[in-house]
N, C-alpha and C. Protein backbone atom coordinates (compact mmCIF):
# COMPACT_ATOMS: atom_id res chain seq x y z
N MET A 1 0.85 -1.19 0.00
CA MET A 1 0.00 0.00 0.00
C MET A 1 0.89 1.24 0.00
N ALA A 2 0.53 2.19 -0.81
CA ALA A 2 1.33 3.42 -0.90
C ALA A 2 1.18 4.23 0.37
N ARG A 3 2.25 4.85 0.72
CA ARG A 3 2.26 5.70 1.90
C ARG A 3 1.54 7.00 1.60
N PRO A 4 0.68 7.48 2.49
CA PRO A 4 -0.03 8.74 2.22
C PRO A 4 0.94 9.90 2.09
N ARG A 5 0.61 10.80 1.18
CA ARG A 5 1.42 12.00 1.06
C ARG A 5 1.23 12.85 2.30
N LYS A 6 2.23 13.65 2.58
CA LYS A 6 2.16 14.52 3.76
C LYS A 6 0.93 15.42 3.70
N SER A 7 0.59 15.89 2.48
CA SER A 7 -0.57 16.77 2.34
C SER A 7 -1.88 16.03 2.60
N ASP A 8 -1.88 14.68 2.50
CA ASP A 8 -3.08 13.89 2.74
C ASP A 8 -3.26 13.53 4.21
N GLN A 9 -2.21 13.68 5.00
CA GLN A 9 -2.29 13.31 6.41
C GLN A 9 -2.99 14.42 7.19
N LEU A 10 -3.88 14.01 8.07
CA LEU A 10 -4.61 14.98 8.88
C LEU A 10 -3.94 15.13 10.23
N ARG A 11 -3.90 16.35 10.70
CA ARG A 11 -3.31 16.62 12.01
C ARG A 11 -4.42 17.05 12.95
N GLU A 12 -4.20 16.77 14.19
CA GLU A 12 -5.11 17.31 15.20
C GLU A 12 -4.86 18.81 15.28
N PRO A 13 -5.91 19.62 15.43
CA PRO A 13 -5.71 21.06 15.48
C PRO A 13 -4.92 21.48 16.72
N VAL A 14 -4.11 22.48 16.53
CA VAL A 14 -3.36 23.07 17.64
C VAL A 14 -3.73 24.54 17.72
N ALA A 15 -3.45 25.15 18.83
CA ALA A 15 -3.80 26.56 19.03
C ALA A 15 -2.86 27.42 18.19
N THR A 16 -3.37 27.91 17.07
CA THR A 16 -2.62 28.82 16.20
C THR A 16 -3.61 29.82 15.63
N ASP A 17 -3.09 30.68 14.77
CA ASP A 17 -3.95 31.63 14.08
C ASP A 17 -4.62 31.00 12.86
N GLU A 18 -4.22 29.76 12.50
CA GLU A 18 -4.82 29.08 11.35
C GLU A 18 -6.25 28.68 11.69
N PRO A 19 -7.13 28.66 10.68
CA PRO A 19 -8.51 28.23 10.94
C PRO A 19 -8.54 26.77 11.38
N LEU A 20 -9.47 26.45 12.27
CA LEU A 20 -9.61 25.08 12.73
C LEU A 20 -10.27 24.25 11.65
N VAL A 21 -9.91 22.97 11.62
CA VAL A 21 -10.46 22.05 10.64
C VAL A 21 -11.29 21.01 11.37
N ASP A 22 -12.47 20.72 10.85
CA ASP A 22 -13.32 19.67 11.40
C ASP A 22 -12.83 18.36 10.80
N LEU A 23 -12.01 17.62 11.56
CA LEU A 23 -11.39 16.41 11.04
C LEU A 23 -12.42 15.37 10.61
N ALA A 24 -13.50 15.25 11.34
CA ALA A 24 -14.53 14.28 10.95
C ALA A 24 -15.16 14.65 9.61
N ALA A 25 -15.41 15.93 9.41
CA ALA A 25 -15.99 16.39 8.15
C ALA A 25 -15.02 16.16 7.00
N VAL A 26 -13.74 16.44 7.23
CA VAL A 26 -12.73 16.26 6.19
C VAL A 26 -12.61 14.78 5.84
N ARG A 27 -12.56 13.92 6.86
CA ARG A 27 -12.46 12.48 6.60
C ARG A 27 -13.67 11.97 5.82
N ALA A 28 -14.86 12.41 6.22
CA ALA A 28 -16.08 11.97 5.52
C ALA A 28 -16.09 12.46 4.07
N ALA A 29 -15.68 13.70 3.86
CA ALA A 29 -15.65 14.24 2.50
C ALA A 29 -14.63 13.49 1.65
N ARG A 30 -13.46 13.20 2.22
CA ARG A 30 -12.45 12.44 1.47
C ARG A 30 -12.93 11.04 1.15
N ALA A 31 -13.61 10.40 2.10
CA ALA A 31 -14.11 9.04 1.88
C ALA A 31 -15.16 9.02 0.77
N ALA A 32 -15.88 10.12 0.60
CA ALA A 32 -16.94 10.18 -0.41
C ALA A 32 -16.41 10.52 -1.81
N LEU A 33 -15.16 10.96 -1.91
CA LEU A 33 -14.62 11.33 -3.21
C LEU A 33 -14.51 10.10 -4.12
N PRO A 34 -14.98 10.21 -5.36
CA PRO A 34 -14.80 9.11 -6.31
C PRO A 34 -13.31 8.92 -6.63
N GLU A 35 -12.99 7.75 -7.18
CA GLU A 35 -11.62 7.49 -7.60
C GLU A 35 -11.20 8.50 -8.66
N ALA A 36 -9.90 8.75 -8.74
CA ALA A 36 -9.38 9.73 -9.70
C ALA A 36 -9.75 9.36 -11.13
N ARG A 37 -9.71 8.08 -11.47
CA ARG A 37 -10.02 7.69 -12.85
C ARG A 37 -11.50 7.90 -13.17
N VAL A 38 -12.37 7.76 -12.17
CA VAL A 38 -13.79 8.03 -12.38
C VAL A 38 -14.00 9.52 -12.61
N LEU A 39 -13.33 10.35 -11.82
CA LEU A 39 -13.43 11.80 -12.01
C LEU A 39 -12.87 12.22 -13.37
N ALA A 40 -11.78 11.58 -13.80
CA ALA A 40 -11.21 11.89 -15.12
C ALA A 40 -12.20 11.54 -16.22
N GLY A 41 -12.87 10.41 -16.08
CA GLY A 41 -13.89 10.02 -17.07
C GLY A 41 -15.05 10.99 -17.09
N ALA A 42 -15.49 11.43 -15.92
CA ALA A 42 -16.57 12.41 -15.85
C ALA A 42 -16.15 13.73 -16.48
N SER A 43 -14.89 14.10 -16.27
CA SER A 43 -14.38 15.33 -16.87
C SER A 43 -14.41 15.24 -18.40
N GLU A 44 -14.03 14.08 -18.94
CA GLU A 44 -14.09 13.89 -20.39
C GLU A 44 -15.53 13.95 -20.89
N LEU A 45 -16.43 13.33 -20.14
CA LEU A 45 -17.85 13.33 -20.52
C LEU A 45 -18.38 14.76 -20.56
N PHE A 46 -18.14 15.52 -19.49
CA PHE A 46 -18.62 16.91 -19.46
C PHE A 46 -17.91 17.76 -20.51
N GLY A 47 -16.65 17.45 -20.78
CA GLY A 47 -15.92 18.17 -21.83
C GLY A 47 -16.56 17.96 -23.19
N ALA A 48 -17.01 16.73 -23.44
CA ALA A 48 -17.66 16.44 -24.72
C ALA A 48 -18.96 17.21 -24.85
N LEU A 49 -19.63 17.45 -23.75
CA LEU A 49 -20.89 18.19 -23.78
C LEU A 49 -20.69 19.70 -23.66
N ALA A 50 -19.45 20.15 -23.57
CA ALA A 50 -19.16 21.57 -23.40
C ALA A 50 -19.19 22.34 -24.72
N ASP A 51 -19.54 21.67 -25.79
CA ASP A 51 -19.59 22.29 -27.11
C ASP A 51 -21.05 22.51 -27.50
N PRO A 52 -21.44 23.73 -27.90
CA PRO A 52 -22.84 23.99 -28.24
C PRO A 52 -23.39 23.10 -29.36
N THR A 53 -22.57 22.80 -30.36
CA THR A 53 -23.05 21.94 -31.45
C THR A 53 -23.34 20.54 -30.93
N ARG A 54 -22.46 20.01 -30.09
CA ARG A 54 -22.70 18.67 -29.54
C ARG A 54 -23.91 18.67 -28.62
N LEU A 55 -24.15 19.76 -27.91
CA LEU A 55 -25.36 19.86 -27.09
C LEU A 55 -26.62 19.86 -27.96
N ARG A 56 -26.57 20.55 -29.07
CA ARG A 56 -27.71 20.55 -30.00
C ARG A 56 -27.95 19.16 -30.56
N ILE A 57 -26.87 18.45 -30.86
CA ILE A 57 -27.00 17.07 -31.34
C ILE A 57 -27.65 16.21 -30.26
N ALA A 58 -27.19 16.35 -29.02
CA ALA A 58 -27.77 15.58 -27.91
C ALA A 58 -29.25 15.90 -27.75
N ALA A 59 -29.62 17.16 -27.89
CA ALA A 59 -31.03 17.55 -27.76
C ALA A 59 -31.87 16.90 -28.86
N ALA A 60 -31.36 16.91 -30.08
CA ALA A 60 -32.09 16.28 -31.19
C ALA A 60 -32.21 14.77 -30.97
N LEU A 61 -31.13 14.15 -30.51
CA LEU A 61 -31.16 12.70 -30.30
C LEU A 61 -31.95 12.31 -29.06
N ALA A 62 -32.14 13.24 -28.14
CA ALA A 62 -32.99 12.96 -26.98
C ALA A 62 -34.44 12.82 -27.42
N ALA A 63 -34.79 13.50 -28.51
CA ALA A 63 -36.16 13.44 -29.03
C ALA A 63 -36.40 12.16 -29.83
N ARG A 64 -35.38 11.75 -30.62
CA ARG A 64 -35.54 10.55 -31.45
C ARG A 64 -34.23 10.15 -32.09
N GLU A 65 -34.19 8.92 -32.52
CA GLU A 65 -33.05 8.38 -33.27
C GLU A 65 -33.03 9.03 -34.65
N LEU A 66 -31.83 9.40 -35.13
CA LEU A 66 -31.70 10.05 -36.43
C LEU A 66 -30.48 9.53 -37.18
N CYS A 67 -30.57 9.51 -38.51
CA CYS A 67 -29.38 9.23 -39.32
C CYS A 67 -28.61 10.54 -39.49
N VAL A 68 -27.39 10.45 -39.99
CA VAL A 68 -26.54 11.64 -40.10
C VAL A 68 -27.18 12.71 -40.99
N SER A 69 -27.74 12.31 -42.12
CA SER A 69 -28.31 13.32 -43.02
C SER A 69 -29.51 14.01 -42.39
N ASP A 70 -30.36 13.26 -41.67
CA ASP A 70 -31.50 13.90 -40.99
C ASP A 70 -31.03 14.81 -39.86
N LEU A 71 -30.02 14.37 -39.14
CA LEU A 71 -29.47 15.19 -38.05
C LEU A 71 -28.87 16.47 -38.61
N ALA A 72 -28.10 16.35 -39.70
CA ALA A 72 -27.49 17.53 -40.32
C ALA A 72 -28.56 18.51 -40.78
N ALA A 73 -29.62 17.99 -41.41
CA ALA A 73 -30.70 18.87 -41.88
C ALA A 73 -31.44 19.51 -40.70
N THR A 74 -31.64 18.76 -39.63
CA THR A 74 -32.32 19.29 -38.44
C THR A 74 -31.57 20.47 -37.85
N LEU A 75 -30.24 20.35 -37.80
CA LEU A 75 -29.43 21.35 -37.12
C LEU A 75 -28.77 22.36 -38.06
N GLY A 76 -28.97 22.21 -39.37
CA GLY A 76 -28.34 23.13 -40.32
C GLY A 76 -26.84 22.96 -40.39
N LEU A 77 -26.38 21.72 -40.29
CA LEU A 77 -24.95 21.40 -40.36
C LEU A 77 -24.65 20.66 -41.65
N SER A 78 -23.39 20.67 -42.06
CA SER A 78 -22.99 19.78 -43.14
C SER A 78 -22.95 18.35 -42.59
N GLN A 79 -23.08 17.37 -43.48
CA GLN A 79 -23.00 15.99 -43.02
C GLN A 79 -21.63 15.69 -42.42
N SER A 80 -20.61 16.30 -42.98
CA SER A 80 -19.25 16.11 -42.46
C SER A 80 -19.14 16.63 -41.02
N ALA A 81 -19.68 17.83 -40.78
CA ALA A 81 -19.62 18.41 -39.43
C ALA A 81 -20.42 17.56 -38.45
N ALA A 82 -21.60 17.11 -38.87
CA ALA A 82 -22.43 16.27 -38.00
C ALA A 82 -21.70 14.97 -37.68
N SER A 83 -21.10 14.35 -38.69
CA SER A 83 -20.36 13.09 -38.48
C SER A 83 -19.20 13.28 -37.52
N HIS A 84 -18.48 14.38 -37.69
CA HIS A 84 -17.34 14.64 -36.81
C HIS A 84 -17.79 14.77 -35.35
N GLN A 85 -18.84 15.54 -35.11
CA GLN A 85 -19.32 15.73 -33.74
C GLN A 85 -19.90 14.44 -33.18
N LEU A 86 -20.57 13.65 -34.01
CA LEU A 86 -21.09 12.35 -33.56
C LEU A 86 -19.95 11.43 -33.14
N ARG A 87 -18.85 11.49 -33.86
CA ARG A 87 -17.69 10.65 -33.52
C ARG A 87 -17.17 11.01 -32.13
N VAL A 88 -17.09 12.30 -31.84
CA VAL A 88 -16.65 12.74 -30.51
C VAL A 88 -17.60 12.20 -29.44
N LEU A 89 -18.89 12.32 -29.68
CA LEU A 89 -19.88 11.85 -28.71
C LEU A 89 -19.85 10.32 -28.57
N ARG A 90 -19.63 9.62 -29.66
CA ARG A 90 -19.51 8.14 -29.59
C ARG A 90 -18.26 7.74 -28.82
N ASP A 91 -17.15 8.42 -29.08
CA ASP A 91 -15.89 8.09 -28.40
C ASP A 91 -16.01 8.27 -26.89
N ARG A 92 -16.88 9.16 -26.44
CA ARG A 92 -17.08 9.42 -25.01
C ARG A 92 -18.21 8.57 -24.42
N GLY A 93 -18.81 7.71 -25.26
CA GLY A 93 -19.86 6.82 -24.78
C GLY A 93 -21.20 7.50 -24.57
N LEU A 94 -21.41 8.63 -25.22
CA LEU A 94 -22.66 9.37 -25.05
C LEU A 94 -23.70 9.02 -26.11
N VAL A 95 -23.23 8.55 -27.25
CA VAL A 95 -24.10 8.25 -28.38
C VAL A 95 -23.76 6.85 -28.89
N ARG A 96 -24.77 6.13 -29.35
CA ARG A 96 -24.56 4.82 -29.97
C ARG A 96 -25.12 4.86 -31.38
N ALA A 97 -24.64 3.95 -32.21
CA ALA A 97 -25.10 3.87 -33.59
C ALA A 97 -25.57 2.45 -33.89
N ARG A 98 -26.53 2.36 -34.80
CA ARG A 98 -26.94 1.06 -35.32
C ARG A 98 -27.06 1.18 -36.83
N ARG A 99 -26.67 0.12 -37.51
CA ARG A 99 -26.73 0.10 -38.97
C ARG A 99 -28.07 -0.43 -39.43
N ASP A 100 -28.58 0.18 -40.48
CA ASP A 100 -29.77 -0.32 -41.17
C ASP A 100 -29.49 -0.18 -42.66
N GLY A 101 -29.01 -1.23 -43.26
CA GLY A 101 -28.59 -1.16 -44.66
C GLY A 101 -27.37 -0.27 -44.79
N ARG A 102 -27.49 0.75 -45.62
CA ARG A 102 -26.36 1.67 -45.82
C ARG A 102 -26.33 2.81 -44.81
N LEU A 103 -27.38 2.96 -44.03
CA LEU A 103 -27.46 4.09 -43.11
C LEU A 103 -27.11 3.68 -41.69
N SER A 104 -26.53 4.63 -40.97
CA SER A 104 -26.32 4.48 -39.53
C SER A 104 -27.27 5.43 -38.82
N TYR A 105 -27.95 4.91 -37.83
CA TYR A 105 -28.87 5.71 -37.02
C TYR A 105 -28.25 5.91 -35.64
N TYR A 106 -28.36 7.13 -35.15
CA TYR A 106 -27.73 7.50 -33.89
C TYR A 106 -28.80 7.82 -32.84
N ALA A 107 -28.45 7.49 -31.60
CA ALA A 107 -29.32 7.78 -30.46
C ALA A 107 -28.44 8.02 -29.25
N LEU A 108 -29.00 8.64 -28.22
CA LEU A 108 -28.26 8.74 -26.96
C LEU A 108 -28.00 7.32 -26.47
N ASP A 109 -26.87 7.11 -25.84
CA ASP A 109 -26.42 5.75 -25.53
C ASP A 109 -27.37 4.99 -24.63
N ASP A 110 -27.86 5.61 -23.57
CA ASP A 110 -28.76 4.92 -22.65
C ASP A 110 -29.51 5.92 -21.80
N GLU A 111 -30.30 5.40 -20.87
CA GLU A 111 -31.11 6.28 -20.03
C GLU A 111 -30.26 7.15 -19.10
N HIS A 112 -29.03 6.70 -18.78
CA HIS A 112 -28.15 7.54 -17.96
C HIS A 112 -27.81 8.84 -18.69
N VAL A 113 -27.48 8.70 -19.97
CA VAL A 113 -27.12 9.88 -20.76
C VAL A 113 -28.34 10.78 -20.94
N ALA A 114 -29.47 10.18 -21.25
CA ALA A 114 -30.70 10.97 -21.42
C ALA A 114 -31.05 11.69 -20.12
N GLY A 115 -30.91 11.00 -18.99
CA GLY A 115 -31.20 11.61 -17.69
C GLY A 115 -30.25 12.74 -17.36
N LEU A 116 -28.96 12.51 -17.62
CA LEU A 116 -27.95 13.54 -17.36
C LEU A 116 -28.25 14.78 -18.19
N PHE A 117 -28.54 14.57 -19.46
CA PHE A 117 -28.83 15.69 -20.35
C PHE A 117 -30.10 16.41 -19.91
N GLY A 118 -31.14 15.66 -19.60
CA GLY A 118 -32.40 16.26 -19.15
C GLY A 118 -32.24 17.04 -17.86
N GLN A 119 -31.48 16.49 -16.92
CA GLN A 119 -31.25 17.20 -15.66
C GLN A 119 -30.45 18.47 -15.86
N ALA A 120 -29.49 18.43 -16.77
CA ALA A 120 -28.71 19.64 -17.05
C ALA A 120 -29.62 20.75 -17.59
N LEU A 121 -30.50 20.39 -18.53
CA LEU A 121 -31.42 21.38 -19.08
C LEU A 121 -32.39 21.89 -18.01
N ASP A 122 -32.90 20.98 -17.19
CA ASP A 122 -33.80 21.39 -16.10
C ASP A 122 -33.10 22.36 -15.15
N HIS A 123 -31.85 22.07 -14.83
CA HIS A 123 -31.10 22.94 -13.92
C HIS A 123 -30.92 24.33 -14.53
N VAL A 124 -30.56 24.38 -15.80
CA VAL A 124 -30.37 25.68 -16.46
C VAL A 124 -31.68 26.45 -16.49
N ARG A 125 -32.77 25.78 -16.83
CA ARG A 125 -34.08 26.46 -16.85
C ARG A 125 -34.44 26.99 -15.46
N HIS A 126 -34.21 26.18 -14.44
CA HIS A 126 -34.50 26.57 -13.06
C HIS A 126 -33.66 27.80 -12.67
N THR A 127 -32.39 27.77 -13.01
CA THR A 127 -31.50 28.88 -12.71
C THR A 127 -31.94 30.14 -13.44
N MET A 128 -32.37 29.99 -14.69
CA MET A 128 -32.83 31.15 -15.46
C MET A 128 -34.10 31.74 -14.85
N GLU A 129 -35.00 30.88 -14.36
CA GLU A 129 -36.22 31.37 -13.72
C GLU A 129 -35.90 32.15 -12.45
N ASP A 130 -34.92 31.68 -11.69
CA ASP A 130 -34.52 32.36 -10.46
C ASP A 130 -33.92 33.73 -10.74
N GLN A 131 -33.36 33.92 -11.91
CA GLN A 131 -32.71 35.19 -12.24
C GLN A 131 -33.68 36.22 -12.79
N THR A 132 -34.92 35.80 -13.07
CA THR A 132 -35.89 36.76 -13.62
C THR A 132 -36.80 37.29 -12.55
């Protein structure tokens, strides 16, 4: 087992001018932190959704499965641009494809992705209502 870094070790508070730390709260918060690789994956996922075009694609695919040409026409994109953005979303596990003859149809990967996307939109709408 790796030895904890000095910065990870908790000390009992001593009488100083430094703010006191609630050791139980710090331990509980640290125990609740996801693994670094899980956080890195989440960062990649959110990074993929940080692009307005990819968000528009996700919104269209949340409504229904679409082929590239229908998606491009829906969003006013070239087929090349739509394909490129779909590849980014597929690489991050946000979108899946299925073949039907010569066409590939795209959809959000699963209910987790649809839920994440829906909750993000709900949060933004809620925040916007609070600001008015």
